Amino acid sequence: MEAKNNLQIYIDRGYYVRENEPIYVCRDMDKTIGWFRDVLGWFGGVLARDENGEGVYGGVSDYPPELAMTRAFPVGFQLGKGEPVKGMVGFIHVNGLARLREYVLNNAWRQISEIQAMPYGVSECYVTTIDGSVIGFCE
């Protein structure tokens, strides 16, 4: 049997990824959604709660719910209950990276790095969340 090259594997696979909504794991979903709202200006909600009323599934997005159906693909995080990751949980491409950093600082959150120009042609900064997770942003 002849070995396939990467392009042939891609073609034969018959599918490709159109959008991505990574999972963000947190202990207190209401608190985490509040952090996304208060620090990043995002929108979110708990979609399912357990028998104790604690959030077990939800989501956050940079788009308000009133406009969510106008977006061609989902952007943000699905939220799940569990032990938060103490490291990188996502890398998000934005327009207006300097404005994002200014917005975060104006909301009194100091756990954001300086913007750095990278040798591969983008600028990046990193925000450490209320859960100790890290979200990278690039432009």
Protein backbone atom coordinates (compact mmCIF):
# COMPACT_ATOMS: atom_id res chain seq x y z
CA MET A 1 0.00 0.00 0.00
CA GLU A 2 1.36 3.38 -1.04
CA ALA A 3 1.94 5.99 1.71
CA LYS A 4 -0.25 9.06 1.36
CA ASN A 5 1.11 12.59 1.56
CA ASN A 6 -0.49 15.17 3.87
CA LEU A 7 -2.51 16.83 1.13
CA GLN A 8 -4.00 13.51 0.03
CA ILE A 9 -4.88 12.63 3.63
CA TYR A 10 -6.62 16.01 3.97
CA ILE A 11 -8.58 15.50 0.74
CA ASP A 12 -9.54 11.92 1.60
CA ARG A 13 -10.65 12.86 5.09
CA GLY A 14 -13.66 14.64 3.64
CA TYR A 15 -14.09 17.31 6.33
CA TYR A 16 -12.40 20.42 7.70
CA VAL A 17 -12.80 22.58 10.80
CA ARG A 18 -14.92 25.72 10.27
CA GLU A 19 -14.98 27.20 13.76
CA ASN A 20 -13.71 26.49 17.21
CA GLU A 21 -15.09 27.07 20.69
CA PRO A 22 -12.62 25.69 23.23
CA ILE A 23 -13.68 24.47 26.68
CA TYR A 24 -12.80 26.63 29.68
CA VAL A 25 -13.02 24.71 32.97
CA CYS A 26 -13.89 26.54 36.19
CA ARG A 27 -15.04 25.81 39.74
CA ASP A 28 -17.54 28.68 40.11
CA MET A 29 -19.18 29.35 36.75
CA ASP A 30 -21.16 32.40 37.90
CA LYS A 31 -17.98 34.03 39.24
CA THR A 32 -16.05 33.20 36.05
CA ILE A 33 -18.83 34.61 33.82
CA GLY A 34 -18.76 37.75 35.98
CA TRP A 35 -15.01 38.04 35.45
CA PHE A 36 -15.37 37.75 31.66
CA ARG A 37 -18.11 40.43 31.81
CA ASP A 38 -16.31 42.83 34.17
CA VAL A 39 -12.76 42.49 32.83
CA LEU A 40 -13.09 41.65 29.12
CA GLY A 41 -16.58 43.06 28.46
CA TRP A 42 -17.84 39.69 27.22
CA PHE A 43 -21.30 38.19 27.53
CA GLY A 44 -22.23 34.82 28.95
CA GLY A 45 -24.56 32.65 30.89
CA VAL A 46 -25.05 29.35 32.66
CA LEU A 47 -27.03 26.92 30.54
CA ALA A 48 -27.20 23.99 32.98
CA ARG A 49 -26.99 23.72 36.76
CA ASP A 50 -26.62 20.73 39.07
CA GLU A 51 -28.92 19.79 41.95
CA ASN A 52 -27.12 22.34 44.18
CA GLY A 53 -27.70 25.18 41.71
CA GLU A 54 -24.05 25.33 40.64
CA GLY A 55 -23.29 25.88 36.98
CA VAL A 56 -22.07 22.79 35.13
CA TYR A 57 -22.29 24.05 31.54
CA GLY A 58 -22.34 27.52 30.03
CA GLY A 59 -20.58 29.84 27.68
CA VAL A 60 -18.98 33.24 27.17
CA SER A 61 -18.50 35.21 23.95
CA ASP A 62 -17.41 38.63 22.83
CA TYR A 63 -20.74 39.01 20.99
CA PRO A 64 -23.91 40.06 22.83
CA PRO A 65 -26.75 37.51 22.67
CA GLU A 66 -28.84 39.89 20.55
CA LEU A 67 -26.25 39.62 17.76
CA ALA A 68 -25.12 36.02 18.21
CA MET A 69 -27.23 34.69 15.34
CA THR A 70 -25.66 37.23 12.95
CA ARG A 71 -22.19 35.77 13.49
CA ALA A 72 -21.10 33.22 10.90
CA PHE A 73 -19.31 31.09 13.51
CA PRO A 74 -19.10 30.88 17.31
CA VAL A 75 -16.38 32.81 19.07
CA GLY A 76 -15.60 32.43 22.75
CA PHE A 77 -15.48 29.59 25.24
CA GLN A 78 -17.82 26.84 26.30
CA LEU A 79 -17.68 26.58 30.08
CA GLY A 80 -17.50 23.34 32.03
CA LYS A 81 -17.35 22.63 35.75
CA GLY A 82 -14.11 21.21 37.10
CA GLU A 83 -10.60 22.05 38.20
CA PRO A 84 -9.29 25.07 36.23
CA VAL A 85 -6.23 24.69 34.03
CA LYS A 86 -3.30 26.69 35.43
CA GLY A 87 -1.83 27.49 32.05
CA MET A 88 -2.78 28.31 28.47
CA VAL A 89 -6.43 27.53 27.66
CA GLY A 90 -6.87 29.38 24.40
CA PHE A 91 -5.32 31.70 21.85
CA ILE A 92 -7.65 34.23 20.27
CA HIS A 93 -7.09 36.43 17.22
CA VAL A 94 -8.56 39.92 17.74
CA ASN A 95 -8.72 43.24 15.95
CA GLY A 96 -7.70 46.04 18.32
CA LEU A 97 -5.15 44.34 20.59
CA ALA A 98 -3.98 47.64 22.12
CA ARG A 99 -7.58 48.59 22.85
CA LEU A 100 -8.18 45.18 24.48
CA ARG A 101 -5.20 45.72 26.77
CA GLU A 102 -6.34 49.24 27.63
CA TYR A 103 -9.88 47.97 28.33
CA VAL A 104 -8.60 45.29 30.71
CA LEU A 105 -6.37 47.76 32.57
CA ASN A 106 -9.21 50.31 32.79
CA ASN A 107 -11.25 47.59 34.50
CA ALA A 108 -8.55 47.35 37.19
CA TRP A 109 -7.24 43.93 36.12
CA ARG A 110 -3.43 43.96 36.18
CA GLN A 111 -2.73 40.37 35.21
CA ILE A 112 -2.13 41.17 31.56
CA SER A 113 1.23 41.19 29.83
CA GLU A 114 2.70 43.94 27.71
CA ILE A 115 2.04 43.64 23.99
CA GLN A 116 4.99 42.01 22.26
CA ALA A 117 5.80 42.03 18.55
CA MET A 118 6.67 38.50 17.53
CA PRO A 119 9.19 37.56 14.81
CA TYR A 120 6.47 35.71 12.87
CA GLY A 121 4.53 38.91 12.17
CA VAL A 122 1.88 39.24 14.91
CA SER A 123 1.62 41.05 18.22
CA GLU A 124 0.58 39.15 21.33
CA CYS A 125 -0.40 39.66 24.95
CA TYR A 126 -1.60 37.28 27.65
CA VAL A 127 -4.28 37.62 30.32
CA THR A 128 -4.30 35.49 33.45
CA THR A 129 -7.92 34.93 34.43
CA ILE A 130 -9.62 34.85 37.81
CA ASP A 131 -9.21 31.04 37.71
CA GLY A 132 -5.46 31.19 37.06
CA SER A 133 -5.84 30.15 33.43
CA VAL A 134 -4.09 32.06 30.64
CA ILE A 135 -5.70 33.35 27.47
CA GLY A 136 -3.41 34.53 24.68
CA PHE A 137 -4.58 37.29 22.34
CA CYS A 138 -2.91 38.18 19.04
CA GLU A 139 -3.36 40.64 16.21
